[in-house]
Amino acid sequence: MHNPKDGNIQEATLLSRKLVPNGELITSQMSFRVPLDYRQPEGDYINLGATMVHAFATPGESQDNGKYLDNKSPIFVFLCGGPGTANDPFRIPALNRALLTGTFLQNTKFQVLYLDYRGTGRSDPITASTLARLGDVREQAEYLMQFRQDNTVRDLEAARKCLSAKLWNDHNRPWSIMGQSYGGWIALTYLSLCPGGLKEVFLTGGLAPVGHTPDEVYAETYRQVRAQNRAFFARDARNGPRVRQVALHILTTGNNRIRLPSGGTLTVQRLMLLGRALGGATGLDDVERLVATMAAEAASAGALSRRTLERFDAAVRLAGRPLYAALHEAIYCDGPGVASRWAAQRMGRGVFQSSPEYWWLRGGPVTAAQVGNEKNMFFAGEMIYPFHFDTFAELVAFKDVAGAVAARTDWPALYDQARLAANTVPVCAVGYSKDMYVSARLGQQTASKVRGLRYFESPDLAHDAIRTNTDLVLGYLVRMSQGLPARG
């Protein structure tokens, strides 16, 4: 069988490339064709969408100027979080500015590539209708197995060879990459599979838990989420009663099934998913305000307004991101013999033994008596549970295949620890001590497994600091890349 590693990956087919005017930025949109399964390069193909941000527009110059398509500036690739998330090229304006103007690395002016990971954004999407055409649940699960970070790396490598050959007539030319959160998972897999394609690597939002099972990851994640919950309930004594009041309203008024504007269902369990926001820079405030509004409406009007239900819907959005849910635990299955088996739910039920605030994960129906008698109900974090596929309208069609994916044990390896230990590519990483989403403790262990990796752990920044404190995070990375302490 074809070995999809290093030089064996063929360059992608460039299907289209055109300039797209975008205000002050010169951008182009590209489409590539790549194999669905790189072990069978002559088999089925999928299309990938990407956006290249070339430069800031020059006043008075036509944005249709073809010179930008032949721009010879080096390419810098940004890899967003996920999985299953489109790579928005305009989400972090300060990052584009630093890369385009040369203020990030030694006055180098880059053009910035944002590839939509397979199955997301402008790449061929995964939808309910896509699944229905694939056959039975087993065939659907095998299809989804092609959409993890290992094949995203191969997609990137195929695109790199294509663009390098077109721009420089040299498809051995490496490029620079930055991965945020799950994007960093992809970057470490890139270092494991195809390090020759990389000039330098920058990681933000923590490090992937290389060498750890899904169970180990979620045991650690619950520890972090519990800490954020304690902070939430300690900041205002009314927060605990308010959460219970909303839960009682859902049970007594809606029989634990309140219809949401999105078509989904508000249950007590889904209410507890609001905790996903607690790890953001403004998360504690955001959740507190929404819970206070819900409690006030339940008390005064006896019903939640449509506007408030829309705010609730928006707080945990999965529309257009089914892979985020279906593959969320699969990104931790590193090699044959490992199955996630709904690790977040299993480990959460284990946490209940020492943390009764997670009693709502016990299983069985939630009752008003439980809500009234138990202690504070702790929120979940960035976990995916089986009930997601019952309460989110956009996920119902994925319920069976998600269960099949959770049971799979025949995963390919994601990381080559021997190759990481012998790494020669410069790598600089920033993690966050209080990160609720990515374990700093496991990240420290990963840092020690990658030869030459320079690592800084901020005690006060949040997981999304590359967006909210862009210049500060970039400054840490620049200093480390120069061999200096991150904090000057």
Protein backbone atom coordinates (compact mmCIF):
# COMPACT_ATOMS: atom_id res chain seq x y z
CA MET A 1 0.00 0.00 0.00
CA HIS A 2 1.15 3.51 -0.76
CA ASN A 3 2.93 5.12 2.21
CA PRO A 4 1.64 8.72 2.48
CA LYS A 5 4.73 10.18 4.12
CA ASP A 6 7.28 12.81 3.22
CA GLY A 7 8.30 12.79 -0.46
CA ASN A 8 5.63 10.26 -1.42
CA ILE A 9 2.90 12.90 -1.26
CA GLN A 10 2.15 14.24 -4.72
CA GLU A 11 1.50 17.92 -5.27
CA ALA A 12 -2.13 18.99 -5.25
CA THR A 13 -3.89 19.92 -8.47
CA LEU A 14 -4.61 23.64 -8.54
CA LEU A 15 -8.15 23.93 -9.88
CA SER A 16 -8.61 27.68 -9.67
CA ARG A 17 -7.01 30.85 -8.37
CA LYS A 18 -8.46 34.34 -8.58
CA LEU A 19 -8.05 37.70 -6.91
CA VAL A 20 -10.93 38.71 -4.66
CA PRO A 21 -11.14 42.39 -3.63
CA ASN A 22 -11.45 42.65 0.13
CA GLY A 23 -11.26 46.21 1.36
CA GLU A 24 -7.75 47.14 2.46
CA LEU A 25 -6.39 43.65 1.82
CA ILE A 26 -5.39 42.01 -1.46
CA THR A 27 -6.58 38.41 -1.29
CA SER A 28 -7.02 35.49 -3.63
CA GLN A 29 -9.14 32.39 -3.39
CA MET A 30 -7.79 29.03 -4.46
CA SER A 31 -9.18 25.58 -4.95
CA PHE A 32 -7.11 22.38 -4.88
CA ARG A 33 -7.88 18.75 -5.63
CA VAL A 34 -6.32 16.09 -3.39
CA PRO A 35 -6.91 12.39 -2.68
CA LEU A 36 -9.54 11.54 -0.10
CA ASP A 37 -7.26 8.75 1.16
CA TYR A 38 -3.55 9.28 0.53
CA ARG A 39 -2.96 5.54 0.79
CA GLN A 40 -5.00 5.28 -2.42
CA PRO A 41 -3.88 8.31 -4.46
CA GLU A 42 -5.71 7.11 -7.57
CA GLY A 43 -9.00 6.72 -5.69
CA ASP A 44 -11.63 9.29 -4.81
CA TYR A 45 -10.72 12.97 -4.67
CA ILE A 46 -11.94 15.92 -2.65
CA ASN A 47 -11.59 19.66 -3.20
CA LEU A 48 -9.99 22.09 -0.76
CA GLY A 49 -10.62 25.82 -0.50
CA ALA A 50 -8.02 28.33 0.64
CA THR A 51 -7.52 32.07 0.90
CA MET A 52 -4.17 33.79 0.43
CA VAL A 53 -3.76 37.23 1.97
CA HIS A 54 -1.09 38.84 -0.23
CA ALA A 55 -0.63 42.41 0.94
CA PHE A 56 -2.29 45.63 1.96
CA ALA A 57 -3.85 47.45 -0.96
CA THR A 58 -2.02 50.46 -2.35
CA PRO A 59 -4.33 53.49 -2.57
CA GLY A 60 -5.36 54.11 -6.16
CA GLU A 61 -4.06 50.76 -7.42
CA SER A 62 -6.46 48.32 -9.04
CA GLN A 63 -7.13 45.30 -6.85
CA ASP A 64 -7.29 43.24 -10.03
CA ASN A 65 -3.55 43.70 -10.54
CA GLY A 66 -2.28 40.27 -11.57
CA LYS A 67 1.13 40.80 -10.00
CA TYR A 68 -0.22 39.59 -6.68
CA LEU A 69 -0.92 36.12 -8.03
CA ASP A 70 2.80 35.89 -8.81
CA ASN A 71 3.83 37.33 -5.45
CA LYS A 72 7.21 35.85 -4.51
CA SER A 73 7.00 36.76 -0.82
CA PRO A 74 7.47 33.69 1.40
CA ILE A 75 4.30 31.93 2.50
CA PHE A 76 3.27 31.82 6.15
CA VAL A 77 0.50 29.33 6.97
CA PHE A 78 -1.94 29.94 9.82
CA LEU A 79 -3.73 26.90 11.27
CA CYS A 80 -6.82 27.72 13.31
CA GLY A 81 -8.38 25.79 16.18
CA GLY A 82 -10.94 23.06 15.73
CA PRO A 83 -11.47 20.36 14.65
CA GLY A 84 -14.11 20.98 12.02
CA THR A 85 -13.70 24.75 11.90
CA ALA A 86 -13.26 26.89 8.80
CA ASN A 87 -10.04 28.93 8.73
CA ASP A 88 -11.26 32.54 8.74
CA PRO A 89 -8.55 34.76 7.17
CA PHE A 90 -9.91 37.93 8.77
CA ARG A 91 -10.45 36.78 12.36
CA ILE A 92 -7.12 38.12 13.68
CA PRO A 93 -6.39 41.42 11.89
CA ALA A 94 -3.32 42.17 14.02
CA LEU A 95 -1.74 38.87 12.94
CA ASN A 96 -2.22 39.68 9.26
CA ARG A 97 -0.76 43.14 9.81
CA ALA A 98 2.35 41.80 11.57
CA LEU A 99 2.99 39.17 8.90
CA LEU A 100 2.28 41.35 5.88
CA THR A 101 4.31 44.34 7.06
CA GLY A 102 7.34 42.44 8.33
CA THR A 103 7.01 43.40 11.99
CA PHE A 104 6.92 39.77 13.15
CA LEU A 105 10.13 38.10 11.98
CA GLN A 106 13.32 39.95 11.01
CA ASN A 107 11.53 42.35 8.65
CA THR A 108 10.29 39.46 6.49
CA LYS A 109 7.10 40.36 4.63
CA PHE A 110 4.99 37.24 4.21
CA GLN A 111 1.86 36.40 2.32
CA VAL A 112 -0.47 34.41 4.55
CA LEU A 113 -2.26 31.20 3.59
CA TYR A 114 -5.48 30.12 5.29
CA LEU A 115 -6.48 26.63 4.17
CA ASP A 116 -9.96 25.45 5.10
CA TYR A 117 -9.38 22.01 6.58
CA ARG A 118 -10.97 19.18 4.61
CA GLY A 119 -14.70 19.03 5.33
CA THR A 120 -14.95 22.69 6.41
CA GLY A 121 -15.53 26.16 4.96
CA ARG A 122 -14.94 26.38 1.22
CA SER A 123 -13.51 22.86 1.11
CA ASP A 124 -15.96 20.10 0.21
CA PRO A 125 -18.23 20.08 3.27
CA ILE A 126 -19.43 17.20 5.39
CA THR A 127 -23.21 17.42 5.74
CA ALA A 128 -26.09 15.11 6.57
CA SER A 129 -26.73 14.63 2.85
CA THR A 130 -23.03 13.82 2.30
CA LEU A 131 -23.27 11.06 4.88
CA ALA A 132 -26.50 9.68 3.46
CA ARG A 133 -24.78 9.05 0.11
CA LEU A 134 -21.96 7.04 1.67
CA GLY A 135 -23.80 3.90 2.65
CA ASP A 136 -24.18 2.32 6.07
CA VAL A 137 -22.81 3.59 9.38
CA ARG A 138 -19.60 1.59 9.07
CA GLU A 139 -18.84 3.15 5.68
CA GLN A 140 -19.69 6.58 7.03
CA ALA A 141 -17.30 6.12 9.97
CA GLU A 142 -14.50 5.00 7.65
CA TYR A 143 -15.09 8.13 5.59
CA LEU A 144 -14.90 10.43 8.62
CA MET A 145 -11.65 8.76 9.68
CA GLN A 146 -10.05 10.54 6.72
CA PHE A 147 -10.71 13.97 8.25
CA ARG A 148 -8.31 14.13 11.19
CA GLN A 149 -5.08 16.08 11.50
CA ASP A 150 -2.91 13.46 9.75
CA ASN A 151 -4.65 13.97 6.42
CA THR A 152 -4.85 17.71 6.98
CA VAL A 153 -1.04 17.64 7.12
CA ARG A 154 -0.93 15.73 3.85
CA ASP A 155 -3.31 18.26 2.32
CA LEU A 156 -1.02 21.07 3.43
CA GLU A 157 2.04 19.31 2.10
CA ALA A 158 0.34 18.68 -1.26
CA ALA A 159 -0.67 22.36 -1.43
CA ARG A 160 2.86 23.46 -0.45
CA LYS A 161 4.40 21.48 -3.29
CA CYS A 162 1.84 22.84 -5.74
CA LEU A 163 2.32 26.49 -4.79
CA SER A 164 6.09 26.22 -4.46
CA ALA A 165 6.38 24.71 -7.91
CA LYS A 166 4.12 27.39 -9.40
CA LEU A 167 5.76 30.38 -7.70
CA TRP A 168 9.40 29.29 -7.43
CA ASN A 169 9.64 26.23 -9.68
CA ASP A 170 10.86 24.34 -6.62
CA HIS A 171 8.47 22.15 -4.71
CA ASN A 172 11.07 21.46 -2.04
CA ARG A 173 10.80 25.03 -0.74
CA PRO A 174 9.64 24.86 2.93
CA TRP A 175 7.23 27.28 4.54
CA SER A 176 6.57 28.71 8.00
CA ILE A 177 3.48 27.76 10.00
CA MET A 178 1.65 28.88 13.12
CA GLY A 179 -0.91 26.68 14.85
CA GLN A 180 -3.43 27.89 17.42
CA SER A 181 -4.83 25.20 19.74
CA TYR A 182 -5.91 22.31 17.45
CA GLY A 183 -3.88 24.02 14.73
CA GLY A 184 -0.88 23.23 16.92
CA TRP A 185 -1.95 19.59 17.00
CA ILE A 186 -1.76 19.66 13.21
CA ALA A 187 1.67 21.32 13.38
CA LEU A 188 3.08 18.58 15.63
CA THR A 189 1.68 15.95 13.29
CA TYR A 190 3.32 17.87 10.43
CA LEU A 191 6.65 17.66 12.28
CA SER A 192 6.04 13.93 12.69
CA LEU A 193 5.07 13.13 9.09
CA CYS A 194 6.63 15.73 6.81
CA PRO A 195 9.20 17.89 8.63
CA GLY A 196 11.02 18.62 5.38
CA GLY A 197 8.17 20.90 4.36
CA LEU A 198 8.68 23.17 7.36
CA LYS A 199 11.08 26.07 7.80
CA GLU A 200 9.89 27.06 11.28
CA VAL A 201 6.92 26.38 13.55
CA PHE A 202 5.09 28.62 16.01
CA LEU A 203 2.51 27.24 18.43
CA THR A 204 -0.02 29.15 20.52
CA GLY A 205 -2.83 28.02 22.79
CA GLY A 206 -0.88 25.14 24.30
CA LEU A 207 0.60 21.90 23.04
CA ALA A 208 -1.05 18.65 21.99
CA PRO A 209 -0.95 15.92 24.67
CA VAL A 210 1.47 13.68 22.76
CA GLY A 211 1.62 10.19 24.24
CA HIS A 212 -1.59 10.45 26.26
CA THR A 213 -4.89 8.59 25.79
CA PRO A 214 -8.30 10.26 25.54
CA ASP A 215 -9.05 9.13 29.11
CA GLU A 216 -5.89 10.78 30.42
CA VAL A 217 -6.63 13.96 28.49
CA TYR A 218 -10.17 14.28 29.84
CA ALA A 219 -9.20 13.44 33.40
CA GLU A 220 -6.84 16.41 33.23
CA THR A 221 -9.35 18.58 31.39
CA TYR A 222 -12.00 18.13 34.08
CA ARG A 223 -9.48 19.33 36.65
CA GLN A 224 -9.05 22.55 34.67
CA VAL A 225 -12.79 22.99 34.08
CA ARG A 226 -13.57 22.51 37.76
CA ALA A 227 -11.14 25.31 38.59
CA GLN A 228 -12.96 27.68 36.22
CA ASN A 229 -16.30 26.65 37.71
CA ARG A 230 -15.06 27.41 41.20
CA ALA A 231 -14.01 30.86 39.99
CA PHE A 232 -17.44 31.39 38.42
CA PHE A 233 -19.44 30.45 41.49
CA ALA A 234 -17.11 32.30 43.86
CA ARG A 235 -17.41 35.65 42.08
CA ASP A 236 -21.10 36.10 42.96
CA ALA A 237 -23.04 34.12 45.55
CA ARG A 238 -26.13 34.43 43.35
CA ASN A 239 -24.62 32.43 40.48
CA GLY A 240 -25.31 29.01 42.01
CA PRO A 241 -28.97 29.70 42.81
CA ARG A 242 -29.47 31.28 39.39
CA VAL A 243 -28.18 28.21 37.56
CA ARG A 244 -30.45 25.97 39.63
CA GLN A 245 -33.39 28.33 39.02
CA VAL A 246 -32.92 28.09 35.25
CA ALA A 247 -32.56 24.31 35.47
CA LEU A 248 -35.79 24.08 37.47
CA HIS A 249 -37.55 26.26 34.91
CA ILE A 250 -36.43 23.96 32.09
CA LEU A 251 -37.73 20.94 34.01
CA THR A 252 -41.01 22.29 35.35
CA THR A 253 -42.09 24.57 32.51
CA GLY A 254 -40.59 22.79 29.55
CA ASN A 255 -40.54 19.19 30.80
CA ASN A 256 -36.79 19.30 30.10
CA ARG A 257 -37.43 20.08 26.44
CA ILE A 258 -37.65 23.76 25.47
CA ARG A 259 -37.56 24.35 21.73
CA LEU A 260 -34.73 26.64 20.60
CA PRO A 261 -34.86 29.00 17.60
CA SER A 262 -32.18 26.86 15.93
CA GLY A 263 -34.47 23.83 16.05
CA GLY A 264 -32.50 22.23 18.86
CA THR A 265 -33.65 21.48 22.38
CA LEU A 266 -32.79 23.23 25.63
CA THR A 267 -32.43 20.60 28.34
CA VAL A 268 -30.72 20.77 31.71
CA GLN A 269 -27.76 18.90 30.23
CA ARG A 270 -27.49 21.34 27.33
CA LEU A 271 -27.71 24.26 29.78
CA MET A 272 -24.53 22.95 31.38
CA LEU A 273 -22.69 23.30 28.07
CA LEU A 274 -22.53 27.07 28.64
CA GLY A 275 -19.30 26.35 30.49
CA ARG A 276 -17.52 26.02 27.17
CA ALA A 277 -17.13 29.81 27.23
CA LEU A 278 -15.63 30.01 30.73
CA GLY A 279 -12.07 29.68 29.47
CA GLY A 280 -12.19 32.70 27.16
CA ALA A 281 -10.90 36.14 28.03
CA THR A 282 -14.44 37.40 28.73
CA GLY A 283 -16.02 34.02 29.43
CA LEU A 284 -16.84 34.43 33.12
CA ASP A 285 -18.64 37.70 32.44
CA ASP A 286 -20.44 36.37 29.36
CA VAL A 287 -21.82 33.28 31.11
CA GLU A 288 -22.75 35.23 34.23
CA ARG A 289 -24.75 37.79 32.24
CA LEU A 290 -26.61 35.16 30.22
CA VAL A 291 -27.46 33.03 33.28
CA ALA A 292 -28.65 36.13 35.16
CA THR A 293 -30.93 37.09 32.26
CA MET A 294 -32.35 33.58 31.97
CA ALA A 295 -33.02 33.39 35.71
CA ALA A 296 -34.67 36.82 35.76
CA GLU A 297 -36.97 35.97 32.85
CA ALA A 298 -37.89 32.61 34.35
CA ALA A 299 -38.81 34.33 37.62
CA SER A 300 -40.64 37.36 36.24
CA ALA A 301 -42.26 36.17 33.03
CA GLY A 302 -42.35 32.43 33.54
CA ALA A 303 -40.76 31.97 30.12
CA LEU A 304 -37.51 32.63 28.31
CA SER A 305 -37.77 35.25 25.57
CA ARG A 306 -36.88 34.43 21.99
CA ARG A 307 -34.03 36.93 22.18
CA THR A 308 -32.57 35.14 25.20
CA LEU A 309 -32.98 31.74 23.56
CA GLU A 310 -31.14 33.10 20.52
CA ARG A 311 -28.33 34.28 22.80
CA PHE A 312 -28.22 30.80 24.31
CA ASP A 313 -28.09 29.22 20.86
CA ALA A 314 -25.22 31.52 19.90
CA ALA A 315 -23.24 30.67 23.04
CA VAL A 316 -22.53 27.13 21.80
CA ARG A 317 -22.70 27.14 18.01
CA LEU A 318 -22.22 23.91 16.08
CA ALA A 319 -24.17 24.78 12.94
CA GLY A 320 -21.93 24.11 9.96
CA ARG A 321 -19.39 22.35 12.20
CA PRO A 322 -20.55 18.74 12.53
CA LEU A 323 -16.95 17.49 12.39
CA TYR A 324 -16.17 19.48 15.53
CA ALA A 325 -18.55 17.20 17.41
CA ALA A 326 -18.14 13.96 15.47
CA LEU A 327 -14.31 13.97 15.60
CA HIS A 328 -13.69 15.88 18.82
CA GLU A 329 -12.37 12.90 20.76
CA ALA A 330 -10.86 11.17 17.72
CA ILE A 331 -8.10 13.81 17.60
CA TYR A 332 -6.70 12.17 20.76
CA CYS A 333 -6.69 8.61 19.36
CA ASP A 334 -3.01 8.22 18.53
CA GLY A 335 -2.60 4.86 16.88
CA PRO A 336 -4.14 1.39 16.71
CA GLY A 337 -5.83 -0.03 19.78
CA VAL A 338 -7.06 3.32 21.09
CA ALA A 339 -10.77 4.13 21.17
CA SER A 340 -12.31 7.19 22.76
CA ARG A 341 -15.55 5.42 23.78
CA TRP A 342 -17.08 8.77 24.77
CA ALA A 343 -14.18 9.55 27.07
CA ALA A 344 -15.60 12.88 28.25
CA GLN A 345 -18.79 11.24 29.48
CA ARG A 346 -17.05 8.28 31.09
CA MET A 347 -14.43 10.42 32.81
CA GLY A 348 -17.08 12.93 33.85
CA ARG A 349 -19.04 10.22 35.58
CA GLY A 350 -15.83 9.23 37.31
CA VAL A 351 -15.29 12.82 38.40
CA PHE A 352 -18.72 12.71 40.05
CA GLN A 353 -17.32 10.43 42.72
CA SER A 354 -15.04 13.23 43.95
CA SER A 355 -16.97 16.23 42.63
CA PRO A 356 -20.73 15.89 43.24
CA GLU A 357 -21.33 19.03 41.19
CA TYR A 358 -21.28 16.80 38.09
CA TRP A 359 -24.20 14.69 39.27
CA TRP A 360 -26.08 15.64 36.08
CA LEU A 361 -23.71 13.33 34.15
CA ARG A 362 -24.78 10.27 36.14
CA GLY A 363 -27.25 9.15 33.50
CA GLY A 364 -30.98 8.72 33.72
CA PRO A 365 -33.54 11.51 33.88
CA VAL A 366 -32.74 14.72 35.73
CA THR A 367 -35.41 15.62 38.30
CA ALA A 368 -36.47 18.81 40.04
CA ALA A 369 -35.70 17.18 43.37
CA GLN A 370 -32.10 16.62 42.31
CA VAL A 371 -31.72 20.21 41.17
CA GLY A 372 -33.13 21.47 44.45
CA ASN A 373 -31.17 19.16 46.72
CA GLU A 374 -27.74 18.96 45.12
CA LYS A 375 -24.89 21.45 45.43
CA ASN A 376 -23.82 23.84 42.70
CA MET A 377 -24.16 22.30 39.26
CA PHE A 378 -20.76 22.60 37.59
CA PHE A 379 -20.66 23.40 33.90
CA ALA A 380 -18.96 21.24 31.30
CA GLY A 381 -16.08 22.66 29.31
CA GLU A 382 -15.11 21.87 25.73
CA MET A 383 -16.47 18.35 25.95
CA ILE A 384 -18.68 16.47 23.53
CA TYR A 385 -21.25 14.06 24.99
CA PRO A 386 -23.68 11.64 23.33
CA PHE A 387 -26.57 13.97 24.23
CA HIS A 388 -25.13 16.60 21.87
CA PHE A 389 -26.48 14.45 19.05
CA ASP A 390 -29.99 14.56 20.53
CA THR A 391 -30.21 18.23 21.50
CA PHE A 392 -28.48 19.99 18.57
CA ALA A 393 -30.67 19.83 15.46
CA GLU A 394 -27.64 20.03 13.19
CA LEU A 395 -26.08 16.95 14.81
CA VAL A 396 -29.04 14.55 14.93
CA ALA A 397 -28.12 13.02 11.56
CA PHE A 398 -24.61 12.34 12.87
CA LYS A 399 -25.67 10.45 16.00
CA ASP A 400 -25.10 6.91 14.73
CA VAL A 401 -21.85 7.63 12.92
CA ALA A 402 -20.50 9.54 15.93
CA GLY A 403 -21.12 6.47 18.06
CA ALA A 404 -19.36 4.31 15.48
CA VAL A 405 -16.37 6.68 15.39
CA ALA A 406 -16.17 6.61 19.20
CA ALA A 407 -15.92 2.80 19.09
CA ARG A 408 -13.19 2.59 16.42
CA THR A 409 -9.79 1.25 17.45
CA ASP A 410 -8.06 1.11 14.06
CA TRP A 411 -6.70 4.65 14.04
CA PRO A 412 -3.40 5.51 12.36
CA ALA A 413 -0.72 7.12 14.51
CA LEU A 414 -0.76 10.91 14.71
CA TYR A 415 2.71 11.52 16.15
CA ASP A 416 6.13 9.98 15.62
CA GLN A 417 7.79 10.47 18.99
CA ALA A 418 11.17 9.27 17.74
CA ARG A 419 11.10 11.83 14.95
CA LEU A 420 9.98 14.57 17.34
CA ALA A 421 12.85 13.67 19.67
CA ALA A 422 15.27 14.12 16.74
CA ASN A 423 13.58 17.28 15.44
CA THR A 424 15.73 19.89 13.68
CA VAL A 425 13.00 22.41 12.74
CA PRO A 426 12.92 25.53 14.97
CA VAL A 427 9.81 25.43 17.16
CA CYS A 428 8.59 28.12 19.56
CA ALA A 429 5.45 27.65 21.66
CA VAL A 430 3.34 29.67 24.07
CA GLY A 431 1.05 27.97 26.58
CA TYR A 432 -1.14 29.29 29.36
CA SER A 433 -1.06 28.09 32.96
CA LYS A 434 -4.79 28.63 33.48
CA ASP A 435 -5.90 27.36 30.07
CA MET A 436 -9.23 25.58 30.51
CA TYR A 437 -9.16 23.91 27.11
CA VAL A 438 -5.58 22.63 26.79
CA SER A 439 -3.71 21.17 29.73
CA ALA A 440 -0.59 23.15 30.58
CA ARG A 441 0.73 20.19 32.54
CA LEU A 442 0.44 17.80 29.61
CA GLY A 443 1.77 20.52 27.32
CA GLN A 444 4.91 20.81 29.42
CA GLN A 445 5.46 17.10 28.95
CA THR A 446 5.03 17.44 25.20
CA ALA A 447 7.51 20.33 25.12
CA SER A 448 10.14 18.02 26.60
CA LYS A 449 9.51 15.47 23.83
CA VAL A 450 10.29 17.80 20.91
CA ARG A 451 14.00 18.42 20.44
CA GLY A 452 14.90 22.10 20.47
CA LEU A 453 11.39 23.35 21.24
CA ARG A 454 11.40 26.67 23.09
CA TYR A 455 8.42 26.97 25.41
CA PHE A 456 6.96 29.81 27.45
CA GLU A 457 3.96 29.48 29.75
CA SER A 458 2.08 32.66 30.57
CA PRO A 459 0.48 32.74 34.03
CA ASP A 460 -2.25 35.20 33.11
CA LEU A 461 -3.26 34.98 29.43
CA ALA A 462 -6.33 33.06 28.28
CA HIS A 463 -6.58 30.39 25.59
CA ASP A 464 -7.62 32.86 22.88
CA ALA A 465 -4.78 35.31 23.55
CA ILE A 466 -3.49 35.12 19.96
CA ARG A 467 -6.72 36.95 19.05
CA THR A 468 -7.23 39.16 22.12
CA ASN A 469 -3.55 39.98 22.84
CA THR A 470 -1.98 39.35 19.45
CA ASP A 471 1.02 41.65 19.69
CA LEU A 472 1.95 40.39 23.16
CA VAL A 473 1.89 36.73 22.09
CA LEU A 474 3.81 37.48 18.89
CA GLY A 475 6.39 39.32 20.96
CA TYR A 476 6.94 36.24 23.10
CA LEU A 477 7.41 34.12 19.98
CA VAL A 478 9.82 36.58 18.36
CA ARG A 479 12.05 36.75 21.41
CA MET A 480 12.15 32.98 21.75
CA SER A 481 12.98 32.61 18.06
CA GLN A 482 15.96 34.91 18.69
CA GLY A 483 17.14 32.75 21.59
CA LEU A 484 16.01 35.30 24.18
CA PRO A 485 13.70 34.89 27.19
CA ALA A 486 10.07 35.28 26.13
CA ARG A 487 9.59 38.11 28.57
CA GLY A 488 12.18 40.76 27.90
